[in-house]
Amino acid sequence: MYLPILADLTLWIGLGVLFIFILGVIAIYNSLVALKNKFKNAFAQIDVQLKRRYDLIPNLVETVKGYMAHERETLDAVIQARSAATSAREGAAANPGDPQSMGALMAAEEGLGGALGKLFALSEGYPDLKANQNVSSLMEELKTTENKIAFARQHYNDSVMAYNNKREMFPSSIIAGMFNFSEASMFEIGAAEREEVTNPVKVEF
């Protein structure tokens, strides 16, 4: 008499444990999805500012071209670096957090920062350029955009860290492995771009 009751009780306990387990898996899965979407949205904010920055660069080059006719190689280098960065941005925007895409973007941004840094340094030798209001306006817009990129980058990196921490902690790591939640890459800047951000131009326009 007691055996069927005990069997039923064991079954219900087993079903209860299974139900709790399934709820736990769902909760962890949903939290990973939420964190992943959060860092993707954070990168979208970076993307907006990067596009704005890349749109300003051709205007800057065209404006300074008349004053720096003998610096054609430097001007061409800026345009080429901008083109490479634009392509890398598109790849990263299509797959935010992907190590390969983010690595390509960081390398392209480093190249662009170096090219712009050289252009800014050479501009010191052109006094007439300092009086150009268009250049002054473009430089101010670039500086403002760089500041916005820096804030957006920090938010993105914080979001990526939260996601990566979640996917690495037990028991989330098990669910992350089961559902292919791969590690996301941060967006870090190199020395050349850091110099451009903190000191975008060495002269007062």
C-alpha atoms as a PDB file:
ATOM      1  CA  MET A   1       0.000   0.000   0.000  1.00  0.00           C
ATOM      2  CA  TYR A   2       2.764   2.359   0.903  1.00  0.00           C
ATOM      3  CA  LEU A   3       4.934   1.483  -2.092  1.00  0.00           C
ATOM      4  CA  PRO A   4       2.627   3.056  -4.740  1.00  0.00           C
ATOM      5  CA  ILE A   5       2.308   6.188  -2.586  1.00  0.00           C
ATOM      6  CA  LEU A   6       6.093   6.343  -2.156  1.00  0.00           C
ATOM      7  CA  ALA A   7       6.572   5.835  -5.880  1.00  0.00           C
ATOM      8  CA  ASP A   8       4.099   8.627  -6.669  1.00  0.00           C
ATOM      9  CA  LEU A   9       5.810  10.928  -4.160  1.00  0.00           C
ATOM     10  CA  THR A  10       9.219  10.186  -5.663  1.00  0.00           C
ATOM     11  CA  LEU A  11       7.830  10.881  -9.138  1.00  0.00           C
ATOM     12  CA  TRP A  12       6.359  14.206  -8.063  1.00  0.00           C
ATOM     13  CA  ILE A  13       9.571  15.211  -6.326  1.00  0.00           C
ATOM     14  CA  GLY A  14      11.523  14.267  -9.439  1.00  0.00           C
ATOM     15  CA  LEU A  15       9.169  16.269 -11.638  1.00  0.00           C
ATOM     16  CA  GLY A  16       9.441  19.203  -9.255  1.00  0.00           C
ATOM     17  CA  VAL A  17      13.226  19.128  -9.356  1.00  0.00           C
ATOM     18  CA  LEU A  18      13.161  18.866 -13.146  1.00  0.00           C
ATOM     19  CA  PHE A  19      10.752  21.796 -13.361  1.00  0.00           C
ATOM     20  CA  ILE A  20      12.989  23.945 -11.145  1.00  0.00           C
ATOM     21  CA  PHE A  21      16.008  22.939 -13.221  1.00  0.00           C
ATOM     22  CA  ILE A  22      14.252  23.923 -16.453  1.00  0.00           C
ATOM     23  CA  LEU A  23      13.227  27.263 -14.944  1.00  0.00           C
ATOM     24  CA  GLY A  24      16.829  27.859 -13.904  1.00  0.00           C
ATOM     25  CA  VAL A  25      18.114  27.086 -17.404  1.00  0.00           C
ATOM     26  CA  ILE A  26      15.539  29.425 -18.941  1.00  0.00           C
ATOM     27  CA  ALA A  27      16.432  32.215 -16.503  1.00  0.00           C
ATOM     28  CA  ILE A  28      20.170  31.901 -17.206  1.00  0.00           C
ATOM     29  CA  TYR A  29      19.590  31.688 -20.968  1.00  0.00           C
ATOM     30  CA  ASN A  30      17.391  34.789 -20.937  1.00  0.00           C
ATOM     31  CA  SER A  31      19.919  36.733 -18.864  1.00  0.00           C
ATOM     32  CA  LEU A  32      22.677  35.858 -21.343  1.00  0.00           C
ATOM     33  CA  VAL A  33      20.478  36.981 -24.233  1.00  0.00           C
ATOM     34  CA  ALA A  34      19.695  40.256 -22.440  1.00  0.00           C
ATOM     35  CA  LEU A  35      23.370  40.958 -21.759  1.00  0.00           C
ATOM     36  CA  LYS A  36      24.306  40.111 -25.341  1.00  0.00           C
ATOM     37  CA  ASN A  37      21.654  42.456 -26.708  1.00  0.00           C
ATOM     38  CA  LYS A  38      22.834  45.147 -24.307  1.00  0.00           C
ATOM     39  CA  PHE A  39      26.401  45.187 -25.618  1.00  0.00           C
ATOM     40  CA  LYS A  40      25.147  45.002 -29.220  1.00  0.00           C
ATOM     41  CA  ASN A  41      23.003  48.063 -28.575  1.00  0.00           C
ATOM     42  CA  ALA A  42      25.993  49.776 -26.954  1.00  0.00           C
ATOM     43  CA  PHE A  43      28.064  49.137 -30.070  1.00  0.00           C
ATOM     44  CA  ALA A  44      25.274  50.633 -32.187  1.00  0.00           C
ATOM     45  CA  GLN A  45      25.874  53.907 -30.329  1.00  0.00           C
ATOM     46  CA  ILE A  46      29.576  53.710 -31.197  1.00  0.00           C
ATOM     47  CA  ASP A  47      28.666  52.967 -34.796  1.00  0.00           C
ATOM     48  CA  VAL A  48      26.596  56.156 -35.090  1.00  0.00           C
ATOM     49  CA  GLN A  49      29.500  58.294 -33.905  1.00  0.00           C
ATOM     50  CA  LEU A  50      32.072  56.463 -36.026  1.00  0.00           C
ATOM     51  CA  LYS A  51      29.992  57.111 -39.151  1.00  0.00           C
ATOM     52  CA  ARG A  52      29.759  60.759 -38.165  1.00  0.00           C
ATOM     53  CA  ARG A  53      33.532  60.910 -37.703  1.00  0.00           C
ATOM     54  CA  TYR A  54      34.242  59.224 -41.025  1.00  0.00           C
ATOM     55  CA  ASP A  55      31.902  61.661 -42.777  1.00  0.00           C
ATOM     56  CA  LEU A  56      33.811  64.639 -41.372  1.00  0.00           C
ATOM     57  CA  ILE A  57      37.247  63.463 -42.518  1.00  0.00           C
ATOM     58  CA  PRO A  58      36.805  63.933 -46.311  1.00  0.00           C
ATOM     59  CA  ASN A  59      35.515  67.453 -45.670  1.00  0.00           C
ATOM     60  CA  LEU A  60      38.571  68.204 -43.555  1.00  0.00           C
ATOM     61  CA  VAL A  61      40.940  66.849 -46.195  1.00  0.00           C
ATOM     62  CA  GLU A  62      39.255  68.857 -48.946  1.00  0.00           C
ATOM     63  CA  THR A  63      39.462  72.014 -46.851  1.00  0.00           C
ATOM     64  CA  VAL A  64      43.159  71.707 -45.997  1.00  0.00           C
ATOM     65  CA  LYS A  65      44.151  70.479 -49.461  1.00  0.00           C
ATOM     66  CA  GLY A  66      44.488  74.020 -50.812  1.00  0.00           C
ATOM     67  CA  TYR A  67      46.910  74.922 -48.042  1.00  0.00           C
ATOM     68  CA  MET A  68      48.861  71.677 -48.022  1.00  0.00           C
ATOM     69  CA  ALA A  69      49.317  70.974 -51.719  1.00  0.00           C
ATOM     70  CA  HIS A  70      52.807  69.572 -51.115  1.00  0.00           C
ATOM     71  CA  GLU A  71      51.538  67.072 -48.536  1.00  0.00           C
ATOM     72  CA  ARG A  72      49.629  64.938 -51.021  1.00  0.00           C
ATOM     73  CA  GLU A  73      51.047  61.697 -49.660  1.00  0.00           C
ATOM     74  CA  THR A  74      49.813  62.505 -46.149  1.00  0.00           C
ATOM     75  CA  LEU A  75      46.377  63.520 -47.393  1.00  0.00           C
ATOM     76  CA  ASP A  76      46.070  60.344 -49.462  1.00  0.00           C
ATOM     77  CA  ALA A  77      47.124  58.289 -46.440  1.00  0.00           C
ATOM     78  CA  VAL A  78      44.298  59.815 -44.384  1.00  0.00           C
ATOM     79  CA  ILE A  79      41.717  59.018 -47.066  1.00  0.00           C
ATOM     80  CA  GLN A  80      42.993  55.451 -47.449  1.00  0.00           C
ATOM     81  CA  ALA A  81      42.998  54.924 -43.696  1.00  0.00           C
ATOM     82  CA  ARG A  82      39.484  56.325 -43.503  1.00  0.00           C
ATOM     83  CA  SER A  83      38.347  53.917 -46.237  1.00  0.00           C
ATOM     84  CA  ALA A  84      39.872  50.951 -44.384  1.00  0.00           C
ATOM     85  CA  ALA A  85      38.227  52.043 -41.136  1.00  0.00           C
ATOM     86  CA  THR A  86      34.846  52.431 -42.856  1.00  0.00           C
ATOM     87  CA  SER A  87      35.060  48.891 -44.199  1.00  0.00           C
ATOM     88  CA  ALA A  88      36.127  47.529 -40.804  1.00  0.00           C
ATOM     89  CA  ARG A  89      33.280  49.402 -39.112  1.00  0.00           C
ATOM     90  CA  GLU A  90      30.760  47.762 -41.401  1.00  0.00           C
ATOM     91  CA  GLY A  91      32.146  44.341 -40.520  1.00  0.00           C
ATOM     92  CA  ALA A  92      32.027  45.043 -36.795  1.00  0.00           C
ATOM     93  CA  ALA A  93      28.509  46.507 -37.019  1.00  0.00           C
ATOM     94  CA  ALA A  94      27.330  43.305 -38.691  1.00  0.00           C
ATOM     95  CA  ASN A  95      28.710  41.201 -35.844  1.00  0.00           C
ATOM     96  CA  PRO A  96      29.409  43.274 -32.694  1.00  0.00           C
ATOM     97  CA  GLY A  97      31.735  41.628 -30.217  1.00  0.00           C
ATOM     98  CA  ASP A  98      33.177  39.154 -32.716  1.00  0.00           C
ATOM     99  CA  PRO A  99      36.931  38.984 -31.944  1.00  0.00           C
ATOM    100  CA  GLN A 100      37.995  38.972 -35.601  1.00  0.00           C
ATOM    101  CA  SER A 101      35.713  41.849 -36.615  1.00  0.00           C
ATOM    102  CA  MET A 102      36.565  43.910 -33.546  1.00  0.00           C
ATOM    103  CA  GLY A 103      40.267  43.224 -34.055  1.00  0.00           C
ATOM    104  CA  ALA A 104      40.046  44.494 -37.642  1.00  0.00           C
ATOM    105  CA  LEU A 105      38.212  47.618 -36.476  1.00  0.00           C
ATOM    106  CA  MET A 106      40.752  48.348 -33.740  1.00  0.00           C
ATOM    107  CA  ALA A 107      43.631  47.934 -36.203  1.00  0.00           C
ATOM    108  CA  ALA A 108      41.908  50.198 -38.737  1.00  0.00           C
ATOM    109  CA  GLU A 109      41.195  52.809 -36.080  1.00  0.00           C
ATOM    110  CA  GLU A 110      44.839  52.699 -35.010  1.00  0.00           C
ATOM    111  CA  GLY A 111      45.884  53.316 -38.611  1.00  0.00           C
ATOM    112  CA  LEU A 112      43.434  56.171 -39.007  1.00  0.00           C
ATOM    113  CA  GLY A 113      44.536  57.741 -35.733  1.00  0.00           C
ATOM    114  CA  GLY A 114      48.155  57.636 -36.872  1.00  0.00           C
ATOM    115  CA  ALA A 115      47.355  59.175 -40.267  1.00  0.00           C
ATOM    116  CA  LEU A 116      45.308  61.972 -38.714  1.00  0.00           C
ATOM    117  CA  GLY A 117      48.002  62.596 -36.112  1.00  0.00           C
ATOM    118  CA  LYS A 118      50.555  63.116 -38.866  1.00  0.00           C
ATOM    119  CA  LEU A 119      48.208  65.467 -40.708  1.00  0.00           C
ATOM    120  CA  PHE A 120      47.623  67.516 -37.561  1.00  0.00           C
ATOM    121  CA  ALA A 121      51.352  67.725 -36.871  1.00  0.00           C
ATOM    122  CA  LEU A 122      52.106  68.921 -40.407  1.00  0.00           C
ATOM    123  CA  SER A 123      49.366  71.531 -40.187  1.00  0.00           C
ATOM    124  CA  GLU A 124      51.487  73.422 -37.653  1.00  0.00           C
ATOM    125  CA  GLY A 125      53.689  74.582 -40.502  1.00  0.00           C
ATOM    126  CA  TYR A 126      50.846  76.351 -42.317  1.00  0.00           C
ATOM    127  CA  PRO A 127      49.951  79.605 -40.540  1.00  0.00           C
ATOM    128  CA  ASP A 128      47.201  80.497 -43.033  1.00  0.00           C
ATOM    129  CA  LEU A 129      45.437  77.283 -42.155  1.00  0.00           C
ATOM    130  CA  LYS A 130      45.026  78.446 -38.573  1.00  0.00           C
ATOM    131  CA  ALA A 131      42.834  81.350 -39.696  1.00  0.00           C
ATOM    132  CA  ASN A 132      40.482  79.178 -41.757  1.00  0.00           C
ATOM    133  CA  GLN A 133      37.072  79.105 -40.071  1.00  0.00           C
ATOM    134  CA  ASN A 134      35.964  75.972 -41.915  1.00  0.00           C
ATOM    135  CA  VAL A 135      38.943  74.046 -40.566  1.00  0.00           C
ATOM    136  CA  SER A 136      38.277  75.394 -37.093  1.00  0.00           C
ATOM    137  CA  SER A 137      34.656  74.290 -37.276  1.00  0.00           C
ATOM    138  CA  LEU A 138      35.545  70.835 -38.594  1.00  0.00           C
ATOM    139  CA  MET A 139      38.156  70.339 -35.899  1.00  0.00           C
ATOM    140  CA  GLU A 140      35.647  71.274 -33.213  1.00  0.00           C
ATOM    141  CA  GLU A 141      33.141  68.788 -34.639  1.00  0.00           C
ATOM    142  CA  LEU A 142      35.806  66.084 -34.734  1.00  0.00           C
ATOM    143  CA  LYS A 143      36.741  66.768 -31.132  1.00  0.00           C
ATOM    144  CA  THR A 144      33.098  66.606 -30.031  1.00  0.00           C
ATOM    145  CA  THR A 145      32.585  63.378 -31.955  1.00  0.00           C
ATOM    146  CA  GLU A 146      35.714  61.836 -30.419  1.00  0.00           C
ATOM    147  CA  ASN A 147      34.383  62.619 -26.950  1.00  0.00           C
ATOM    148  CA  LYS A 148      31.077  60.939 -27.790  1.00  0.00           C
ATOM    149  CA  ILE A 149      32.915  57.902 -29.147  1.00  0.00           C
ATOM    150  CA  ALA A 150      34.940  57.681 -25.942  1.00  0.00           C
ATOM    151  CA  PHE A 151      31.784  57.657 -23.777  1.00  0.00           C
ATOM    152  CA  ALA A 152      30.061  55.142 -26.063  1.00  0.00           C
ATOM    153  CA  ARG A 153      33.174  52.935 -26.058  1.00  0.00           C
ATOM    154  CA  GLN A 154      33.255  52.884 -22.264  1.00  0.00           C
ATOM    155  CA  HIS A 155      29.597  51.882 -22.103  1.00  0.00           C
ATOM    156  CA  TYR A 156      30.180  49.148 -24.682  1.00  0.00           C
ATOM    157  CA  ASN A 157      33.227  47.777 -22.854  1.00  0.00           C
ATOM    158  CA  ASP A 158      31.346  47.751 -19.540  1.00  0.00           C
ATOM    159  CA  SER A 159      28.491  45.861 -21.215  1.00  0.00           C
ATOM    160  CA  VAL A 160      30.887  43.352 -22.769  1.00  0.00           C
ATOM    161  CA  MET A 161      32.567  42.767 -19.398  1.00  0.00           C
ATOM    162  CA  ALA A 162      29.199  42.083 -17.750  1.00  0.00           C
ATOM    163  CA  TYR A 163      28.302  39.623 -20.505  1.00  0.00           C
ATOM    164  CA  ASN A 164      31.667  37.855 -20.435  1.00  0.00           C
ATOM    165  CA  ASN A 165      31.581  37.587 -16.641  1.00  0.00           C
ATOM    166  CA  LYS A 166      28.112  36.055 -16.786  1.00  0.00           C
ATOM    167  CA  ARG A 167      29.063  33.485 -19.428  1.00  0.00           C
ATOM    168  CA  GLU A 168      32.195  32.462 -17.510  1.00  0.00           C
ATOM    169  CA  MET A 169      30.581  32.011 -14.089  1.00  0.00           C
ATOM    170  CA  PHE A 170      29.141  28.705 -12.938  1.00  0.00           C
ATOM    171  CA  PRO A 171      26.470  27.545 -13.691  1.00  0.00           C
ATOM    172  CA  SER A 172      25.996  30.113 -16.472  1.00  0.00           C
ATOM    173  CA  SER A 173      29.123  28.788 -18.166  1.00  0.00           C
ATOM    174  CA  ILE A 174      27.367  25.453 -18.779  1.00  0.00           C
ATOM    175  CA  ILE A 175      24.358  27.093 -20.419  1.00  0.00           C
ATOM    176  CA  ALA A 176      26.631  29.432 -22.402  1.00  0.00           C
ATOM    177  CA  GLY A 177      28.518  26.426 -23.741  1.00  0.00           C
ATOM    178  CA  MET A 178      25.336  24.540 -24.581  1.00  0.00           C
ATOM    179  CA  PHE A 179      23.865  27.440 -26.571  1.00  0.00           C
ATOM    180  CA  ASN A 180      27.099  28.778 -28.113  1.00  0.00           C
ATOM    181  CA  PHE A 181      27.308  32.100 -26.283  1.00  0.00           C
ATOM    182  CA  SER A 182      30.843  32.918 -27.397  1.00  0.00           C
ATOM    183  CA  GLU A 183      33.155  35.416 -25.738  1.00  0.00           C
ATOM    184  CA  ALA A 184      32.743  39.023 -26.868  1.00  0.00           C
ATOM    185  CA  SER A 185      35.687  41.290 -27.618  1.00  0.00           C
ATOM    186  CA  MET A 186      36.089  44.767 -26.147  1.00  0.00           C
ATOM    187  CA  PHE A 187      36.786  47.849 -28.243  1.00  0.00           C
ATOM    188  CA  GLU A 188      40.144  49.189 -27.102  1.00  0.00           C
ATOM    189  CA  ILE A 189      42.247  51.924 -28.659  1.00  0.00           C
ATOM    190  CA  GLY A 190      45.961  52.043 -29.350  1.00  0.00           C
ATOM    191  CA  ALA A 191      48.506  54.730 -28.593  1.00  0.00           C
ATOM    192  CA  ALA A 192      48.068  56.577 -31.902  1.00  0.00           C
ATOM    193  CA  GLU A 193      44.313  56.891 -31.567  1.00  0.00           C
ATOM    194  CA  ARG A 194      44.572  57.744 -27.873  1.00  0.00           C
ATOM    195  CA  GLU A 195      46.870  60.655 -28.772  1.00  0.00           C
ATOM    196  CA  GLU A 196      44.428  61.830 -31.409  1.00  0.00           C
ATOM    197  CA  VAL A 197      41.525  61.668 -28.955  1.00  0.00           C
ATOM    198  CA  THR A 198      43.261  63.449 -26.098  1.00  0.00           C
ATOM    199  CA  ASN A 199      45.103  65.967 -28.287  1.00  0.00           C
ATOM    200  CA  PRO A 200      43.462  66.010 -31.712  1.00  0.00           C
ATOM    201  CA  VAL A 201      45.462  68.974 -32.906  1.00  0.00           C
ATOM    202  CA  LYS A 202      48.528  70.707 -31.570  1.00  0.00           C
ATOM    203  CA  VAL A 203      47.687  74.191 -32.792  1.00  0.00           C
ATOM    204  CA  GLU A 204      44.948  76.643 -31.944  1.00  0.00           C
ATOM    205  CA  PHE A 205      42.692  77.195 -34.947  1.00  0.00           C
END
